[in-house]
């Protein structure tokens, strides 16, 4: 089950968050190769974020998945989420940071 958590300092009052949820869900499902019904999206607005010593619109996101993450999918995920945030919340790509994590990679290197 892929999970996308987006935190932004942008106030979401009056914003069409349904379109953000649906577009993020669709993008993650298509890129990672999972059904949309298994994708979870968490969106938090009005979070205290300072980036580059200012509080202009910015966002931080984490994408966690059990499998399906490659270097190519990481690039696609970052690009697509950046596009959604730019179009829906006017957050420039230069003010967006994303962490992508595949939980199955940890088991490859874990020793019991």
PDB file of N, CA and C in Angstrom:
ATOM      1  N   UNK A   1       0.837  -1.178   0.000  1.00  0.00           N
ATOM      2  CA  UNK A   1       0.000   0.000   0.000  1.00  0.00           C
ATOM      3  C   UNK A   1       0.880   1.239   0.000  1.00  0.00           C
ATOM      4  N   UNK A   2       0.957   1.983  -1.089  1.00  0.00           N
ATOM      5  CA  UNK A   2       1.713   3.239  -1.098  1.00  0.00           C
ATOM      6  C   UNK A   2       0.999   4.310  -0.270  1.00  0.00           C
ATOM      7  N   UNK A   3       1.777   5.099   0.409  1.00  0.00           N
ATOM      8  CA  UNK A   3       1.237   6.202   1.197  1.00  0.00           C
ATOM      9  C   UNK A   3       2.002   7.465   0.847  1.00  0.00           C
ATOM     10  N   UNK A   4       1.274   8.525   0.575  1.00  0.00           N
ATOM     11  CA  UNK A   4       1.862   9.825   0.280  1.00  0.00           C
ATOM     12  C   UNK A   4       1.394  10.790   1.363  1.00  0.00           C
ATOM     13  N   UNK A   5       2.354  11.402   2.030  1.00  0.00           N
ATOM     14  CA  UNK A   5       2.007  12.399   3.041  1.00  0.00           C
ATOM     15  C   UNK A   5       2.602  13.727   2.606  1.00  0.00           C
ATOM     16  N   UNK A   6       1.758  14.725   2.439  1.00  0.00           N
ATOM     17  CA  UNK A   6       2.186  16.047   1.997  1.00  0.00           C
ATOM     18  C   UNK A   6       1.883  17.055   3.101  1.00  0.00           C
ATOM     19  N   UNK A   7       2.902  17.786   3.504  1.00  0.00           N
ATOM     20  CA  UNK A   7       2.739  18.872   4.477  1.00  0.00           C
ATOM     21  C   UNK A   7       3.146  20.163   3.799  1.00  0.00           C
ATOM     22  N   UNK A   8       2.323  21.187   3.978  1.00  0.00           N
ATOM     23  CA  UNK A   8       2.615  22.479   3.360  1.00  0.00           C
ATOM     24  C   UNK A   8       2.272  23.614   4.312  1.00  0.00           C
ATOM     25  N   UNK A   9       2.935  24.738   4.109  1.00  0.00           N
ATOM     26  CA  UNK A   9       2.621  25.921   4.909  1.00  0.00           C
ATOM     27  C   UNK A   9       1.489  26.739   4.276  1.00  0.00           C
ATOM     28  N   UNK A  10       0.975  26.279   3.168  1.00  0.00           N
ATOM     29  CA  UNK A  10      -0.143  26.948   2.498  1.00  0.00           C
ATOM     30  C   UNK A  10      -1.442  26.617   3.242  1.00  0.00           C
ATOM     31  N   UNK A  11      -2.257  27.622   3.477  1.00  0.00           N
ATOM     32  CA  UNK A  11      -3.571  27.419   4.095  1.00  0.00           C
ATOM     33  C   UNK A  11      -4.488  26.767   3.055  1.00  0.00           C
ATOM     34  N   UNK A  12      -5.154  25.704   3.429  1.00  0.00           N
ATOM     35  CA  UNK A  12      -5.989  24.959   2.490  1.00  0.00           C
ATOM     36  C   UNK A  12      -7.455  25.372   2.524  1.00  0.00           C
ATOM     37  N   UNK A  13      -7.784  26.367   3.337  1.00  0.00           N
ATOM     38  CA  UNK A  13      -9.161  26.868   3.364  1.00  0.00           C
ATOM     39  C   UNK A  13      -9.519  27.418   1.984  1.00  0.00           C
ATOM     40  N   UNK A  14     -10.607  26.940   1.433  1.00  0.00           N
ATOM     41  CA  UNK A  14     -11.049  27.413   0.126  1.00  0.00           C
ATOM     42  C   UNK A  14     -10.350  26.748  -1.053  1.00  0.00           C
ATOM     43  N   UNK A  15      -9.418  25.829  -0.790  1.00  0.00           N
ATOM     44  CA  UNK A  15      -8.698  25.124  -1.856  1.00  0.00           C
ATOM     45  C   UNK A  15      -9.450  23.839  -2.182  1.00  0.00           C
ATOM     46  N   UNK A  16      -9.514  23.512  -3.456  1.00  0.00           N
ATOM     47  CA  UNK A  16     -10.156  22.267  -3.890  1.00  0.00           C
ATOM     48  C   UNK A  16      -9.213  21.105  -3.583  1.00  0.00           C
ATOM     49  N   UNK A  17      -9.263  20.632  -2.340  1.00  0.00           N
ATOM     50  CA  UNK A  17      -8.355  19.541  -1.943  1.00  0.00           C
ATOM     51  C   UNK A  17      -8.755  18.212  -2.575  1.00  0.00           C
ATOM     52  N   UNK A  18     -10.020  18.059  -2.954  1.00  0.00           N
ATOM     53  CA  UNK A  18     -10.443  16.814  -3.596  1.00  0.00           C
ATOM     54  C   UNK A  18      -9.636  16.546  -4.859  1.00  0.00           C
ATOM     55  N   UNK A  19      -9.356  17.585  -5.619  1.00  0.00           N
ATOM     56  CA  UNK A  19      -8.580  17.389  -6.848  1.00  0.00           C
ATOM     57  C   UNK A  19      -7.130  17.018  -6.532  1.00  0.00           C
ATOM     58  N   UNK A  20      -6.594  17.543  -5.441  1.00  0.00           N
ATOM     59  CA  UNK A  20      -5.228  17.177  -5.034  1.00  0.00           C
ATOM     60  C   UNK A  20      -5.196  15.706  -4.644  1.00  0.00           C
ATOM     61  N   UNK A  21      -6.182  15.284  -3.835  1.00  0.00           N
ATOM     62  CA  UNK A  21      -6.252  13.880  -3.434  1.00  0.00           C
ATOM     63  C   UNK A  21      -6.377  12.961  -4.647  1.00  0.00           C
ATOM     64  N   UNK A  22      -7.283  13.284  -5.546  1.00  0.00           N
ATOM     65  CA  UNK A  22      -7.522  12.396  -6.690  1.00  0.00           C
ATOM     66  C   UNK A  22      -6.329  12.363  -7.648  1.00  0.00           C
ATOM     67  N   UNK A  23      -5.726  13.521  -7.919  1.00  0.00           N
ATOM     68  CA  UNK A  23      -4.580  13.543  -8.827  1.00  0.00           C
ATOM     69  C   UNK A  23      -3.366  12.850  -8.228  1.00  0.00           C
ATOM     70  N   UNK A  24      -3.129  13.043  -6.943  1.00  0.00           N
ATOM     71  CA  UNK A  24      -1.992  12.381  -6.286  1.00  0.00           C
ATOM     72  C   UNK A  24      -2.219  10.874  -6.239  1.00  0.00           C
ATOM     73  N   UNK A  25      -3.429  10.462  -5.932  1.00  0.00           N
ATOM     74  CA  UNK A  25      -3.750   9.031  -5.899  1.00  0.00           C
ATOM     75  C   UNK A  25      -3.519   8.391  -7.255  1.00  0.00           C
ATOM     76  N   UNK A  26      -4.046   9.025  -8.281  1.00  0.00           N
ATOM     77  CA  UNK A  26      -3.910   8.483  -9.643  1.00  0.00           C
ATOM     78  C   UNK A  26      -2.447   8.415 -10.069  1.00  0.00           C
ATOM     79  N   UNK A  27      -1.698   9.479  -9.816  1.00  0.00           N
ATOM     80  CA  UNK A  27      -0.291   9.513 -10.220  1.00  0.00           C
ATOM     81  C   UNK A  27       0.520   8.418  -9.531  1.00  0.00           C
ATOM     82  N   UNK A  28       0.352   8.297  -8.223  1.00  0.00           N
ATOM     83  CA  UNK A  28       1.114   7.295  -7.472  1.00  0.00           C
ATOM     84  C   UNK A  28       0.739   5.885  -7.927  1.00  0.00           C
ATOM     85  N   UNK A  29      -0.537   5.625  -8.091  1.00  0.00           N
ATOM     86  CA  UNK A  29      -0.981   4.296  -8.533  1.00  0.00           C
ATOM     87  C   UNK A  29      -0.394   3.932  -9.891  1.00  0.00           C
ATOM     88  N   UNK A  30      -0.448   4.868 -10.829  1.00  0.00           N
ATOM     89  CA  UNK A  30       0.066   4.595 -12.172  1.00  0.00           C
ATOM     90  C   UNK A  30       1.577   4.417 -12.177  1.00  0.00           C
ATOM     91  N   UNK A  31       2.283   5.281 -11.474  1.00  0.00           N
ATOM     92  CA  UNK A  31       3.748   5.248 -11.507  1.00  0.00           C
ATOM     93  C   UNK A  31       4.308   4.028 -10.774  1.00  0.00           C
ATOM     94  N   UNK A  32       3.740   3.711  -9.614  1.00  0.00           N
ATOM     95  CA  UNK A  32       4.245   2.579  -8.835  1.00  0.00           C
ATOM     96  C   UNK A  32       3.658   1.259  -9.324  1.00  0.00           C
ATOM     97  N   UNK A  33       2.507   1.320  -9.969  1.00  0.00           N
ATOM     98  CA  UNK A  33       1.899   0.103 -10.497  1.00  0.00           C
ATOM     99  C   UNK A  33       1.026  -0.617  -9.487  1.00  0.00           C
ATOM    100  N   UNK A  34       0.269   0.150  -8.710  1.00  0.00           N
ATOM    101  CA  UNK A  34      -0.645  -0.405  -7.725  1.00  0.00           C
ATOM    102  C   UNK A  34      -2.052   0.119  -8.018  1.00  0.00           C
ATOM    103  N   UNK A  35      -3.077  -0.619  -7.619  1.00  0.00           N
ATOM    104  CA  UNK A  35      -4.449  -0.124  -7.802  1.00  0.00           C
ATOM    105  C   UNK A  35      -4.685   1.137  -6.962  1.00  0.00           C
ATOM    106  N   UNK A  36      -5.481   2.056  -7.481  1.00  0.00           N
ATOM    107  CA  UNK A  36      -5.782   3.295  -6.762  1.00  0.00           C
ATOM    108  C   UNK A  36      -6.405   3.034  -5.395  1.00  0.00           C
ATOM    109  N   UNK A  37      -7.157   1.954  -5.271  1.00  0.00           N
ATOM    110  CA  UNK A  37      -7.828   1.680  -3.993  1.00  0.00           C
ATOM    111  C   UNK A  37      -6.849   1.394  -2.860  1.00  0.00           C
ATOM    112  N   UNK A  38      -5.579   1.121  -3.184  1.00  0.00           N
ATOM    113  CA  UNK A  38      -4.581   0.840  -2.152  1.00  0.00           C
ATOM    114  C   UNK A  38      -3.698   2.042  -1.828  1.00  0.00           C
ATOM    115  N   UNK A  39      -3.898   3.167  -2.506  1.00  0.00           N
ATOM    116  CA  UNK A  39      -3.063   4.351  -2.291  1.00  0.00           C
ATOM    117  C   UNK A  39      -3.693   5.235  -1.217  1.00  0.00           C
ATOM    118  N   UNK A  40      -2.889   5.612  -0.220  1.00  0.00           N
ATOM    119  CA  UNK A  40      -3.333   6.523   0.832  1.00  0.00           C
ATOM    120  C   UNK A  40      -2.658   7.867   0.618  1.00  0.00           C
ATOM    121  N   UNK A  41      -3.421   8.943   0.706  1.00  0.00           N
ATOM    122  CA  UNK A  41      -2.885  10.293   0.580  1.00  0.00           C
ATOM    123  C   UNK A  41      -3.280  11.083   1.824  1.00  0.00           C
ATOM    124  N   UNK A  42      -2.288  11.689   2.458  1.00  0.00           N
ATOM    125  CA  UNK A  42      -2.504  12.530   3.632  1.00  0.00           C
ATOM    126  C   UNK A  42      -2.048  13.929   3.250  1.00  0.00           C
ATOM    127  N   UNK A  43      -2.892  14.919   3.477  1.00  0.00           N
ATOM    128  CA  UNK A  43      -2.592  16.300   3.121  1.00  0.00           C
ATOM    129  C   UNK A  43      -2.782  17.186   4.346  1.00  0.00           C
ATOM    130  N   UNK A  44      -1.721  17.858   4.748  1.00  0.00           N
ATOM    131  CA  UNK A  44      -1.778  18.759   5.903  1.00  0.00           C
ATOM    132  C   UNK A  44      -1.417  20.166   5.442  1.00  0.00           C
ATOM    133  N   UNK A  45      -2.278  21.113   5.751  1.00  0.00           N
ATOM    134  CA  UNK A  45      -2.020  22.503   5.412  1.00  0.00           C
ATOM    135  C   UNK A  45      -1.742  23.341   6.639  1.00  0.00           C
ATOM    136  N   UNK A  46      -1.283  24.552   6.421  1.00  0.00           N
ATOM    137  CA  UNK A  46      -0.971  25.509   7.485  1.00  0.00           C
ATOM    138  C   UNK A  46       0.061  24.964   8.474  1.00  0.00           C
ATOM    139  N   UNK A  47       0.985  24.154   7.966  1.00  0.00           N
ATOM    140  CA  UNK A  47       2.066  23.615   8.791  1.00  0.00           C
ATOM    141  C   UNK A  47       3.186  24.654   8.827  1.00  0.00           C
ATOM    142  N   UNK A  48       3.776  24.852   9.989  1.00  0.00           N
ATOM    143  CA  UNK A  48       4.878  25.819  10.101  1.00  0.00           C
ATOM    144  C   UNK A  48       6.095  25.283   9.363  1.00  0.00           C
ATOM    145  N   UNK A  49       6.413  25.888   8.220  1.00  0.00           N
ATOM    146  CA  UNK A  49       7.573  25.485   7.418  1.00  0.00           C
ATOM    147  C   UNK A  49       8.361  26.732   7.046  1.00  0.00           C
ATOM    148  N   UNK A  50       9.642  26.686   7.317  1.00  0.00           N
ATOM    149  CA  UNK A  50      10.562  27.732   6.871  1.00  0.00           C
ATOM    150  C   UNK A  50      11.579  27.068   5.962  1.00  0.00           C
ATOM    151  N   UNK A  51      11.791  27.637   4.801  1.00  0.00           N
ATOM    152  CA  UNK A  51      12.746  27.097   3.831  1.00  0.00           C
ATOM    153  C   UNK A  51      13.476  28.278   3.206  1.00  0.00           C
ATOM    154  N   UNK A  52      14.778  28.175   3.093  1.00  0.00           N
ATOM    155  CA  UNK A  52      15.605  29.270   2.589  1.00  0.00           C
ATOM    156  C   UNK A  52      15.406  30.547   3.418  1.00  0.00           C
ATOM    157  N   UNK A  53      15.236  30.365   4.711  1.00  0.00           N
ATOM    158  CA  UNK A  53      15.083  31.463   5.664  1.00  0.00           C
ATOM    159  C   UNK A  53      13.827  32.299   5.451  1.00  0.00           C
ATOM    160  N   UNK A  54      12.810  31.726   4.806  1.00  0.00           N
ATOM    161  CA  UNK A  54      11.554  32.458   4.658  1.00  0.00           C
ATOM    162  C   UNK A  54      10.381  31.490   4.727  1.00  0.00           C
ATOM    163  N   UNK A  55       9.197  32.031   4.817  1.00  0.00           N
ATOM    164  CA  UNK A  55       7.991  31.223   4.962  1.00  0.00           C
ATOM    165  C   UNK A  55       7.077  31.325   3.745  1.00  0.00           C
ATOM    166  N   UNK A  56       7.670  31.570   2.585  1.00  0.00           N
ATOM    167  CA  UNK A  56       6.905  31.564   1.341  1.00  0.00           C
ATOM    168  C   UNK A  56       6.376  30.147   1.104  1.00  0.00           C
ATOM    169  N   UNK A  57       5.377  29.977   0.216  1.00  0.00           N
ATOM    170  CA  UNK A  57       4.800  28.647   0.001  1.00  0.00           C
ATOM    171  C   UNK A  57       5.861  27.577  -0.260  1.00  0.00           C
ATOM    172  N   UNK A  58       5.764  26.503   0.525  1.00  0.00           N
ATOM    173  CA  UNK A  58       6.705  25.386   0.430  1.00  0.00           C
ATOM    174  C   UNK A  58       5.986  24.119   0.850  1.00  0.00           C
ATOM    175  N   UNK A  59       6.596  22.972   0.545  1.00  0.00           N
ATOM    176  CA  UNK A  59       5.983  21.700   0.931  1.00  0.00           C
ATOM    177  C   UNK A  59       7.060  20.647   1.155  1.00  0.00           C
ATOM    178  N   UNK A  60       6.703  19.680   1.990  1.00  0.00           N
ATOM    179  CA  UNK A  60       7.530  18.498   2.243  1.00  0.00           C
ATOM    180  C   UNK A  60       6.617  17.293   2.061  1.00  0.00           C
ATOM    181  N   UNK A  61       7.109  16.283   1.380  1.00  0.00           N
ATOM    182  CA  UNK A  61       6.304  15.082   1.173  1.00  0.00           C
ATOM    183  C   UNK A  61       7.138  13.832   1.414  1.00  0.00           C
ATOM    184  N   UNK A  62       6.453  12.799   1.852  1.00  0.00           N
ATOM    185  CA  UNK A  62       7.055  11.473   1.986  1.00  0.00           C
ATOM    186  C   UNK A  62       6.196  10.493   1.210  1.00  0.00           C
ATOM    187  N   UNK A  63       6.861   9.647   0.445  1.00  0.00           N
ATOM    188  CA  UNK A  63       6.172   8.585  -0.278  1.00  0.00           C
ATOM    189  C   UNK A  63       6.780   7.279   0.206  1.00  0.00           C
ATOM    190  N   UNK A  64       5.936   6.427   0.765  1.00  0.00           N
ATOM    191  CA  UNK A  64       6.386   5.141   1.285  1.00  0.00           C
ATOM    192  C   UNK A  64       5.609   4.052   0.570  1.00  0.00           C
ATOM    193  N   UNK A  65       6.334   3.029   0.111  1.00  0.00           N
ATOM    194  CA  UNK A  65       5.674   1.947  -0.606  1.00  0.00           C
ATOM    195  C   UNK A  65       6.348   0.621  -0.271  1.00  0.00           C
ATOM    196  N   UNK A  66       5.563  -0.436  -0.322  1.00  0.00           N
ATOM    197  CA  UNK A  66       6.107  -1.788  -0.190  1.00  0.00           C
ATOM    198  C   UNK A  66       6.360  -2.296  -1.598  1.00  0.00           C
ATOM    199  N   UNK A  67       7.551  -1.997  -2.116  1.00  0.00           N
ATOM    200  CA  UNK A  67       7.902  -2.400  -3.469  1.00  0.00           C
ATOM    201  C   UNK A  67       7.470  -1.379  -4.499  1.00  0.00           C
ATOM    202  N   UNK A  68       7.945  -1.559  -5.717  1.00  0.00           N
ATOM    203  CA  UNK A  68       7.559  -0.694  -6.828  1.00  0.00           C
ATOM    204  C   UNK A  68       8.391   0.564  -6.984  1.00  0.00           C
ATOM    205  N   UNK A  69       9.383   0.775  -6.104  1.00  0.00           N
ATOM    206  CA  UNK A  69      10.196   1.987  -6.174  1.00  0.00           C
ATOM    207  C   UNK A  69      11.539   1.674  -6.831  1.00  0.00           C
ATOM    208  N   UNK A  70      11.800   2.353  -7.927  1.00  0.00           N
ATOM    209  CA  UNK A  70      13.101   2.286  -8.601  1.00  0.00           C
ATOM    210  C   UNK A  70      13.595   3.718  -8.774  1.00  0.00           C
ATOM    211  N   UNK A  71      14.796   3.884  -9.263  1.00  0.00           N
ATOM    212  CA  UNK A  71      15.285   5.249  -9.479  1.00  0.00           C
ATOM    213  C   UNK A  71      14.416   5.970 -10.512  1.00  0.00           C
ATOM    214  N   UNK A  72      13.911   5.246 -11.487  1.00  0.00           N
ATOM    215  CA  UNK A  72      13.048   5.849 -12.506  1.00  0.00           C
ATOM    216  C   UNK A  72      11.692   6.247 -11.917  1.00  0.00           C
ATOM    217  N   UNK A  73      11.108   5.382 -11.077  1.00  0.00           N
ATOM    218  CA  UNK A  73       9.826   5.739 -10.471  1.00  0.00           C
ATOM    219  C   UNK A  73       9.987   6.908  -9.506  1.00  0.00           C
ATOM    220  N   UNK A  74      11.126   6.985  -8.825  1.00  0.00           N
ATOM    221  CA  UNK A  74      11.374   8.131  -7.939  1.00  0.00           C
ATOM    222  C   UNK A  74      11.326   9.437  -8.725  1.00  0.00           C
ATOM    223  N   UNK A  75      12.005   9.471  -9.848  1.00  0.00           N
ATOM    224  CA  UNK A  75      12.026  10.675 -10.685  1.00  0.00           C
ATOM    225  C   UNK A  75      10.612  11.052 -11.136  1.00  0.00           C
ATOM    226  N   UNK A  76       9.858  10.053 -11.567  1.00  0.00           N
ATOM    227  CA  UNK A  76       8.492  10.310 -12.041  1.00  0.00           C
ATOM    228  C   UNK A  76       7.593  10.795 -10.908  1.00  0.00           C
ATOM    229  N   UNK A  77       7.724  10.187  -9.732  1.00  0.00           N
ATOM    230  CA  UNK A  77       6.915  10.592  -8.582  1.00  0.00           C
ATOM    231  C   UNK A  77       7.209  12.034  -8.175  1.00  0.00           C
ATOM    232  N   UNK A  78       8.483  12.369  -8.092  1.00  0.00           N
ATOM    233  CA  UNK A  78       8.886  13.724  -7.706  1.00  0.00           C
ATOM    234  C   UNK A  78       8.369  14.732  -8.718  1.00  0.00           C
ATOM    235  N   UNK A  79       8.516  14.423 -10.001  1.00  0.00           N
ATOM    236  CA  UNK A  79       8.043  15.337 -11.042  1.00  0.00           C
ATOM    237  C   UNK A  79       6.534  15.518 -10.966  1.00  0.00           C
ATOM    238  N   UNK A  80       5.800  14.404 -10.852  1.00  0.00           N
ATOM    239  CA  UNK A  80       4.338  14.490 -10.869  1.00  0.00           C
ATOM    240  C   UNK A  80       3.788  15.194  -9.633  1.00  0.00           C
ATOM    241  N   UNK A  81       4.324  14.892  -8.449  1.00  0.00           N
ATOM    242  CA  UNK A  81       3.865  15.591  -7.246  1.00  0.00           C
ATOM    243  C   UNK A  81       4.226  17.072  -7.310  1.00  0.00           C
ATOM    244  N   UNK A  82       5.402  17.369  -7.840  1.00  0.00           N
ATOM    245  CA  UNK A  82       5.795  18.769  -8.014  1.00  0.00           C
ATOM    246  C   UNK A  82       4.842  19.510  -8.926  1.00  0.00           C
ATOM    247  N   UNK A  83       4.386  18.848  -9.974  1.00  0.00           N
ATOM    248  CA  UNK A  83       3.423  19.446 -10.904  1.00  0.00           C
ATOM    249  C   UNK A  83       2.092  19.713 -10.206  1.00  0.00           C
ATOM    250  N   UNK A  84       1.622  18.751  -9.431  1.00  0.00           N
ATOM    251  CA  UNK A  84       0.358  18.915  -8.711  1.00  0.00           C
ATOM    252  C   UNK A  84       0.445  20.092  -7.734  1.00  0.00           C
ATOM    253  N   UNK A  85       1.537  20.163  -6.978  1.00  0.00           N
ATOM    254  CA  UNK A  85       1.692  21.242  -6.000  1.00  0.00           C
ATOM    255  C   UNK A  85       1.833  22.603  -6.669  1.00  0.00           C
ATOM    256  N   UNK A  86       2.486  22.643  -7.802  1.00  0.00           N
ATOM    257  CA  UNK A  86       2.628  23.898  -8.536  1.00  0.00           C
ATOM    258  C   UNK A  86       1.269  24.361  -9.063  1.00  0.00           C
ATOM    259  N   UNK A  87       0.534  23.452  -9.691  1.00  0.00           N
ATOM    260  CA  UNK A  87      -0.744  23.811 -10.298  1.00  0.00           C
ATOM    261  C   UNK A  87      -1.849  24.083  -9.277  1.00  0.00           C
ATOM    262  N   UNK A  88      -1.889  23.311  -8.206  1.00  0.00           N
ATOM    263  CA  UNK A  88      -2.999  23.414  -7.245  1.00  0.00           C
ATOM    264  C   UNK A  88      -2.739  24.377  -6.088  1.00  0.00           C
ATOM    265  N   UNK A  89      -1.450  24.500  -5.687  1.00  0.00           N
ATOM    266  CA  UNK A  89      -1.139  25.325  -4.516  1.00  0.00           C
ATOM    267  C   UNK A  89      -0.117  26.422  -4.795  1.00  0.00           C
ATOM    268  N   UNK A  90       0.295  26.563  -6.044  1.00  0.00           N
ATOM    269  CA  UNK A  90       1.288  27.568  -6.464  1.00  0.00           C
ATOM    270  C   UNK A  90       2.600  27.451  -5.688  1.00  0.00           C
ATOM    271  N   UNK A  91       3.004  26.222  -5.414  1.00  0.00           N
ATOM    272  CA  UNK A  91       4.288  25.973  -4.751  1.00  0.00           C
ATOM    273  C   UNK A  91       5.322  25.677  -5.832  1.00  0.00           C
ATOM    274  N   UNK A  92       6.339  26.543  -5.953  1.00  0.00           N
ATOM    275  CA  UNK A  92       7.366  26.317  -6.975  1.00  0.00           C
ATOM    276  C   UNK A  92       8.126  25.007  -6.733  1.00  0.00           C
ATOM    277  N   UNK A  93       8.584  24.399  -7.796  1.00  0.00           N
ATOM    278  CA  UNK A  93       9.357  23.149  -7.685  1.00  0.00           C
ATOM    279  C   UNK A  93      10.606  23.325  -6.828  1.00  0.00           C
ATOM    280  N   UNK A  94      11.144  24.522  -6.780  1.00  0.00           N
ATOM    281  CA  UNK A  94      12.348  24.773  -5.996  1.00  0.00           C
ATOM    282  C   UNK A  94      12.055  24.872  -4.502  1.00  0.00           C
ATOM    283  N   UNK A  95      10.775  24.823  -4.123  1.00  0.00           N
ATOM    284  CA  UNK A  95      10.401  24.925  -2.707  1.00  0.00           C
ATOM    285  C   UNK A  95       9.627  23.680  -2.258  1.00  0.00           C
ATOM    286  N   UNK A  96       9.973  22.557  -2.863  1.00  0.00           N
ATOM    287  CA  UNK A  96       9.323  21.289  -2.582  1.00  0.00           C
ATOM    288  C   UNK A  96      10.405  20.242  -2.354  1.00  0.00           C
ATOM    289  N   UNK A  97      10.291  19.512  -1.249  1.00  0.00           N
ATOM    290  CA  UNK A  97      11.252  18.455  -0.923  1.00  0.00           C
ATOM    291  C   UNK A  97      10.472  17.172  -0.724  1.00  0.00           C
ATOM    292  N   UNK A  98      10.975  16.073  -1.274  1.00  0.00           N
ATOM    293  CA  UNK A  98      10.280  14.789  -1.151  1.00  0.00           C
ATOM    294  C   UNK A  98      11.254  13.690  -0.741  1.00  0.00           C
ATOM    295  N   UNK A  99      10.788  12.839   0.134  1.00  0.00           N
ATOM    296  CA  UNK A  99      11.543  11.658   0.565  1.00  0.00           C
ATOM    297  C   UNK A  99      10.774  10.446   0.058  1.00  0.00           C
ATOM    298  N   UNK A 100      11.446   9.578  -0.697  1.00  0.00           N
ATOM    299  CA  UNK A 100      10.818   8.383  -1.249  1.00  0.00           C
ATOM    300  C   UNK A 100      11.478   7.167  -0.602  1.00  0.00           C
ATOM    301  N   UNK A 101      10.648   6.278  -0.053  1.00  0.00           N
ATOM    302  CA  UNK A 101      11.184   5.138   0.685  1.00  0.00           C
ATOM    303  C   UNK A 101      10.446   3.863   0.305  1.00  0.00           C
ATOM    304  N   UNK A 102      11.203   2.832  -0.017  1.00  0.00           N
ATOM    305  CA  UNK A 102      10.651   1.517  -0.328  1.00  0.00           C
ATOM    306  C   UNK A 102      10.918   0.618   0.880  1.00  0.00           C
ATOM    307  N   UNK A 103       9.875   0.185   1.566  1.00  0.00           N
ATOM    308  CA  UNK A 103      10.047  -0.606   2.787  1.00  0.00           C
ATOM    309  C   UNK A 103      10.670  -1.973   2.526  1.00  0.00           C
ATOM    310  N   UNK A 104      10.560  -2.486   1.320  1.00  0.00           N
ATOM    311  CA  UNK A 104      11.129  -3.807   1.033  1.00  0.00           C
ATOM    312  C   UNK A 104      12.639  -3.753   0.877  1.00  0.00           C
ATOM    313  N   UNK A 105      13.194  -2.578   0.630  1.00  0.00           N
ATOM    314  CA  UNK A 105      14.650  -2.461   0.491  1.00  0.00           C
ATOM    315  C   UNK A 105      15.345  -2.722   1.824  1.00  0.00           C
ATOM    316  N   UNK A 106      14.704  -2.375   2.922  1.00  0.00           N
ATOM    317  CA  UNK A 106      15.303  -2.559   4.242  1.00  0.00           C
ATOM    318  C   UNK A 106      15.508  -4.045   4.534  1.00  0.00           C
ATOM    319  N   UNK A 107      14.592  -4.895   4.076  1.00  0.00           N
ATOM    320  CA  UNK A 107      14.720  -6.330   4.357  1.00  0.00           C
ATOM    321  C   UNK A 107      15.852  -6.973   3.565  1.00  0.00           C
ATOM    322  N   UNK A 108      16.245  -6.372   2.469  1.00  0.00           N
ATOM    323  CA  UNK A 108      17.352  -6.902   1.684  1.00  0.00           C
ATOM    324  C   UNK A 108      18.671  -6.765   2.424  1.00  0.00           C
ATOM    325  N   UNK A 109      18.753  -5.750   3.272  1.00  0.00           N
ATOM    326  CA  UNK A 109      20.011  -5.467   3.958  1.00  0.00           C
ATOM    327  C   UNK A 109      19.979  -5.786   5.447  1.00  0.00           C
ATOM    328  N   UNK A 110      18.826  -6.159   5.957  1.00  0.00           N
ATOM    329  CA  UNK A 110      18.701  -6.476   7.389  1.00  0.00           C
ATOM    330  C   UNK A 110      19.268  -7.856   7.672  1.00  0.00           C
ATOM    331  N   UNK A 111      19.933  -7.970   8.814  1.00  0.00           N
ATOM    332  CA  UNK A 111      20.471  -9.251   9.238  1.00  0.00           C
ATOM    333  C   UNK A 111      19.776  -9.679  10.515  1.00  0.00           C
ATOM    334  N   UNK A 112      19.285 -10.896  10.528  1.00  0.00           N
ATOM    335  CA  UNK A 112      18.599 -11.391  11.733  1.00  0.00           C
ATOM    336  C   UNK A 112      19.508 -12.284  12.528  1.00  0.00           C
TER     337      UNK A 112
END
